[in-house]
N, C-alpha and C. Protein backbone atom coordinates (compact mmCIF):
# COMPACT_ATOMS: atom_id res chain seq x y z
N UNK A 1 9.18 -31.63 -9.66
CA UNK A 1 9.18 -30.31 -9.08
C UNK A 1 10.30 -29.47 -9.77
N UNK A 2 11.45 -30.08 -9.82
CA UNK A 2 12.65 -29.30 -10.45
C UNK A 2 12.33 -29.19 -11.92
N UNK A 3 11.71 -30.19 -12.57
CA UNK A 3 11.43 -30.07 -13.94
C UNK A 3 10.37 -29.03 -14.30
N UNK A 4 9.42 -28.78 -13.44
CA UNK A 4 8.51 -27.81 -13.62
C UNK A 4 9.17 -26.41 -13.41
N UNK A 5 10.10 -26.26 -12.48
CA UNK A 5 10.79 -25.06 -12.37
C UNK A 5 11.63 -24.63 -13.49
N UNK A 6 12.24 -25.64 -13.98
CA UNK A 6 13.17 -25.41 -15.16
C UNK A 6 12.30 -25.07 -16.34
N UNK A 7 11.29 -25.72 -16.58
CA UNK A 7 10.32 -25.49 -17.67
C UNK A 7 9.83 -24.14 -17.53
N UNK A 8 9.40 -23.68 -16.40
CA UNK A 8 8.88 -22.35 -16.17
C UNK A 8 9.94 -21.30 -16.33
N UNK A 9 11.17 -21.53 -15.96
CA UNK A 9 12.13 -20.60 -16.20
C UNK A 9 12.50 -20.44 -17.63
N UNK A 10 12.57 -21.64 -18.31
CA UNK A 10 12.77 -21.56 -19.90
C UNK A 10 11.67 -20.81 -20.53
N UNK A 11 10.53 -20.96 -20.19
CA UNK A 11 9.32 -20.33 -20.78
C UNK A 11 9.48 -18.68 -20.50
N UNK A 12 9.87 -18.38 -19.34
CA UNK A 12 10.10 -17.01 -18.91
C UNK A 12 11.19 -16.40 -19.83
N UNK A 13 12.28 -17.14 -19.95
CA UNK A 13 13.36 -16.62 -20.60
C UNK A 13 12.95 -16.44 -22.09
N UNK A 14 12.12 -17.34 -22.74
CA UNK A 14 11.83 -17.22 -24.10
C UNK A 14 10.86 -16.06 -24.27
N UNK A 15 10.08 -15.84 -23.36
CA UNK A 15 9.06 -14.79 -23.45
C UNK A 15 9.79 -13.32 -23.24
N UNK A 16 10.77 -13.34 -22.59
CA UNK A 16 11.47 -12.11 -22.29
C UNK A 16 12.65 -11.77 -23.23
N UNK A 17 12.81 -12.55 -24.22
CA UNK A 17 13.83 -12.43 -25.23
C UNK A 17 13.47 -11.19 -26.00
N UNK A 18 14.35 -10.36 -26.44
CA UNK A 18 14.01 -9.24 -27.26
C UNK A 18 13.52 -9.69 -28.60
N UNK A 19 12.51 -9.03 -29.12
CA UNK A 19 12.03 -9.28 -30.40
C UNK A 19 12.88 -8.65 -31.54
N UNK A 20 12.85 -9.14 -32.82
CA UNK A 20 13.63 -8.40 -33.77
C UNK A 20 13.07 -7.05 -34.17
N UNK A 21 13.94 -6.10 -34.46
CA UNK A 21 13.43 -4.91 -34.84
C UNK A 21 12.73 -4.87 -36.20
N UNK A 22 11.75 -4.00 -36.28
CA UNK A 22 10.96 -3.93 -37.50
C UNK A 22 11.82 -3.24 -38.67
N UNK A 23 11.56 -3.66 -39.91
CA UNK A 23 12.36 -3.08 -40.86
C UNK A 23 12.01 -1.68 -41.09
N UNK A 24 13.03 -0.79 -41.39
CA UNK A 24 12.80 0.66 -41.60
C UNK A 24 12.88 0.98 -43.09
N UNK A 25 12.21 1.94 -43.42
CA UNK A 25 12.23 2.52 -44.85
C UNK A 25 13.46 3.06 -45.14
N UNK A 26 14.38 2.53 -46.11
CA UNK A 26 15.67 3.15 -46.35
C UNK A 26 15.64 4.29 -47.33
N UNK A 27 14.48 4.57 -47.79
CA UNK A 27 14.34 5.64 -48.74
C UNK A 27 14.26 7.08 -48.09
N UNK A 28 13.93 7.15 -46.89
CA UNK A 28 13.89 8.39 -46.16
C UNK A 28 15.17 8.61 -45.27
N UNK A 29 16.01 9.28 -45.77
CA UNK A 29 17.30 9.59 -45.07
C UNK A 29 17.44 10.99 -44.56
N UNK A 30 16.58 11.88 -44.99
CA UNK A 30 16.66 13.35 -44.59
C UNK A 30 15.77 13.46 -43.27
N UNK A 31 16.06 14.44 -42.43
CA UNK A 31 15.24 14.71 -41.26
C UNK A 31 14.93 16.12 -41.28
N UNK A 32 13.63 16.44 -40.89
CA UNK A 32 13.07 17.73 -40.91
C UNK A 32 13.11 18.21 -39.39
N UNK A 33 13.81 19.30 -39.22
CA UNK A 33 14.03 19.75 -37.79
C UNK A 33 13.28 21.07 -37.59
N UNK A 34 12.61 21.63 -38.63
CA UNK A 34 12.01 22.98 -38.48
C UNK A 34 10.75 22.80 -37.59
N UNK A 35 10.10 21.65 -37.56
CA UNK A 35 8.91 21.47 -36.66
C UNK A 35 9.19 20.83 -35.37
N UNK A 36 10.41 20.67 -34.99
CA UNK A 36 10.72 20.04 -33.78
C UNK A 36 10.45 20.97 -32.56
N UNK A 37 9.92 20.36 -31.53
CA UNK A 37 9.58 21.23 -30.37
C UNK A 37 10.82 21.77 -29.66
N UNK A 38 10.71 22.96 -29.13
CA UNK A 38 11.90 23.56 -28.50
C UNK A 38 11.83 23.44 -26.94
N UNK A 39 10.73 22.93 -26.53
CA UNK A 39 10.61 22.67 -24.99
C UNK A 39 11.13 21.41 -24.54
N UNK A 40 11.21 21.23 -23.34
CA UNK A 40 11.73 19.93 -22.69
C UNK A 40 10.59 18.80 -22.93
N UNK A 41 10.90 17.57 -22.70
CA UNK A 41 10.05 16.56 -22.67
C UNK A 41 8.99 16.65 -21.57
N UNK A 42 9.51 16.98 -20.41
CA UNK A 42 8.69 17.15 -19.24
C UNK A 42 8.22 18.61 -19.15
N UNK A 43 6.98 18.94 -19.23
CA UNK A 43 6.61 20.44 -19.15
C UNK A 43 6.72 20.92 -17.68
N UNK A 44 6.90 22.15 -17.66
CA UNK A 44 7.00 22.77 -16.31
C UNK A 44 5.61 22.73 -15.58
N UNK A 45 5.61 22.70 -14.33
CA UNK A 45 4.34 22.80 -13.49
C UNK A 45 3.60 23.94 -13.77
N UNK A 46 2.34 23.84 -13.90
CA UNK A 46 1.36 24.81 -14.22
C UNK A 46 1.51 25.52 -15.52
N UNK A 47 2.10 24.92 -16.51
CA UNK A 47 2.35 25.44 -17.83
C UNK A 47 1.23 24.83 -18.73
N UNK A 48 0.45 23.97 -18.39
CA UNK A 48 -0.55 23.38 -19.32
C UNK A 48 -1.79 24.33 -19.43
N UNK A 49 -2.76 23.78 -19.93
CA UNK A 49 -4.09 24.60 -20.15
C UNK A 49 -5.20 23.83 -19.38
N UNK A 50 -6.13 24.47 -18.93
CA UNK A 50 -7.20 23.94 -18.29
C UNK A 50 -8.14 23.16 -19.26
N UNK A 51 -8.73 22.08 -18.73
CA UNK A 51 -9.65 21.20 -19.63
C UNK A 51 -10.77 22.08 -20.12
N UNK A 52 -11.01 21.97 -21.42
CA UNK A 52 -12.08 22.88 -21.93
C UNK A 52 -13.29 21.99 -22.36
N UNK A 53 -13.14 20.69 -22.40
CA UNK A 53 -14.25 19.75 -22.72
C UNK A 53 -14.11 18.64 -21.63
N UNK A 54 -15.30 17.93 -21.46
CA UNK A 54 -15.32 16.85 -20.55
C UNK A 54 -14.35 15.68 -20.82
N UNK A 55 -13.92 15.43 -21.97
CA UNK A 55 -13.03 14.36 -22.20
C UNK A 55 -11.57 14.77 -22.26
N UNK A 56 -11.22 16.05 -22.02
CA UNK A 56 -9.91 16.46 -22.01
C UNK A 56 -9.26 15.91 -20.80
N UNK A 57 -7.90 16.08 -20.88
CA UNK A 57 -7.08 15.59 -19.62
C UNK A 57 -7.41 16.39 -18.45
N UNK A 58 -7.85 15.61 -17.35
CA UNK A 58 -8.19 16.23 -16.12
C UNK A 58 -9.70 16.72 -16.20
N UNK A 59 -10.39 16.38 -17.17
CA UNK A 59 -11.84 16.78 -17.35
C UNK A 59 -12.76 15.96 -16.51
N UNK A 60 -14.01 16.26 -16.59
CA UNK A 60 -15.04 15.72 -15.90
C UNK A 60 -15.18 14.11 -16.06
N UNK A 61 -14.99 13.67 -17.34
CA UNK A 61 -15.10 12.26 -17.66
C UNK A 61 -13.97 11.47 -17.03
N UNK A 62 -12.77 12.05 -17.01
CA UNK A 62 -11.60 11.34 -16.23
C UNK A 62 -11.84 11.19 -14.86
N UNK A 63 -12.38 12.29 -14.20
CA UNK A 63 -12.58 12.34 -12.80
C UNK A 63 -13.82 11.43 -12.50
N UNK A 64 -14.84 11.29 -13.33
CA UNK A 64 -15.86 10.36 -13.02
C UNK A 64 -15.40 8.98 -13.22
N UNK A 65 -14.43 8.65 -14.23
CA UNK A 65 -14.09 7.39 -14.23
C UNK A 65 -13.22 6.89 -13.11
N UNK A 66 -12.37 7.84 -12.66
CA UNK A 66 -11.69 7.55 -11.38
C UNK A 66 -12.64 7.21 -10.24
N UNK A 67 -13.66 7.90 -10.12
CA UNK A 67 -14.65 7.67 -9.00
C UNK A 67 -15.28 6.34 -9.20
N UNK A 68 -15.69 5.93 -10.50
CA UNK A 68 -16.25 4.57 -10.65
C UNK A 68 -15.20 3.53 -10.35
N UNK A 69 -13.91 3.66 -10.75
CA UNK A 69 -13.02 2.64 -10.44
C UNK A 69 -12.73 2.44 -8.91
N UNK A 70 -12.63 3.52 -8.23
CA UNK A 70 -12.46 3.59 -6.80
C UNK A 70 -13.64 2.85 -6.12
N UNK A 71 -14.93 3.20 -6.61
CA UNK A 71 -16.11 2.69 -6.11
C UNK A 71 -16.19 1.05 -6.26
N UNK A 72 -15.75 0.61 -7.39
CA UNK A 72 -15.78 -0.82 -7.78
C UNK A 72 -14.69 -1.60 -6.95
N UNK A 73 -13.44 -1.02 -6.70
CA UNK A 73 -12.45 -1.60 -5.91
C UNK A 73 -12.97 -1.60 -4.41
N UNK A 74 -13.52 -0.51 -4.01
CA UNK A 74 -14.01 -0.57 -2.60
C UNK A 74 -15.12 -1.55 -2.44
N UNK A 75 -16.01 -1.74 -3.38
CA UNK A 75 -17.09 -2.70 -3.26
C UNK A 75 -16.51 -4.12 -3.39
N UNK A 76 -15.52 -4.48 -4.06
CA UNK A 76 -14.90 -5.70 -4.23
C UNK A 76 -14.29 -6.06 -2.89
N UNK A 77 -13.50 -5.06 -2.25
CA UNK A 77 -12.92 -5.45 -0.98
C UNK A 77 -13.95 -5.63 0.18
N UNK A 78 -15.10 -4.80 0.16
CA UNK A 78 -16.03 -5.03 1.09
C UNK A 78 -16.65 -6.34 1.04
N UNK A 79 -16.86 -6.76 -0.23
CA UNK A 79 -17.52 -8.02 -0.52
C UNK A 79 -16.57 -9.23 -0.05
N UNK A 80 -15.26 -9.15 -0.21
CA UNK A 80 -14.38 -10.05 0.30
C UNK A 80 -14.28 -10.15 1.74
N UNK A 81 -14.27 -9.07 2.29
CA UNK A 81 -14.21 -8.95 3.84
C UNK A 81 -15.47 -9.64 4.39
N UNK A 82 -16.64 -9.33 3.78
CA UNK A 82 -17.81 -9.95 4.25
C UNK A 82 -17.91 -11.42 4.13
N UNK A 83 -17.41 -11.90 3.04
CA UNK A 83 -17.49 -13.30 2.78
C UNK A 83 -16.50 -14.03 3.58
N UNK A 84 -15.31 -13.43 3.81
CA UNK A 84 -14.39 -14.09 4.70
C UNK A 84 -14.82 -14.14 6.15
N UNK A 85 -15.58 -13.13 6.56
CA UNK A 85 -16.17 -13.17 7.98
C UNK A 85 -17.15 -14.20 8.04
N UNK A 86 -17.94 -14.35 7.01
CA UNK A 86 -19.08 -15.45 7.04
C UNK A 86 -18.47 -16.83 7.00
N UNK A 87 -17.48 -16.94 6.29
CA UNK A 87 -16.77 -18.35 6.21
C UNK A 87 -16.06 -18.74 7.48
N UNK A 88 -15.60 -17.72 8.32
CA UNK A 88 -14.89 -17.98 9.55
C UNK A 88 -15.94 -18.07 10.68
N UNK A 89 -17.20 -17.68 10.30
CA UNK A 89 -18.28 -17.80 11.50
C UNK A 89 -18.21 -16.47 12.41
N UNK A 90 -17.61 -15.40 11.90
CA UNK A 90 -17.68 -14.26 12.71
C UNK A 90 -18.84 -13.37 12.64
N UNK A 91 -19.63 -13.56 11.73
CA UNK A 91 -20.74 -12.55 11.55
C UNK A 91 -21.66 -12.96 10.56
């Protein structure tokens, strides 16, 4: 039991060790700041634009996908509840 715990901890430690950084191109030392955004990283509320196509952020495809995901999760929970009741002889 203790050996399995130690082996699991060693495996977890080896997987969580930081990976070496990728090599960078030493040829590019200049930076271009003329195209840098002037706004903050987090935009102000209601400063975006409304979706113009179905695939845009907040568009119909995203809302439809949310509905499908919620439907599948609800169905899975209902199926598990039904099977557990049948296994216990309650219904």
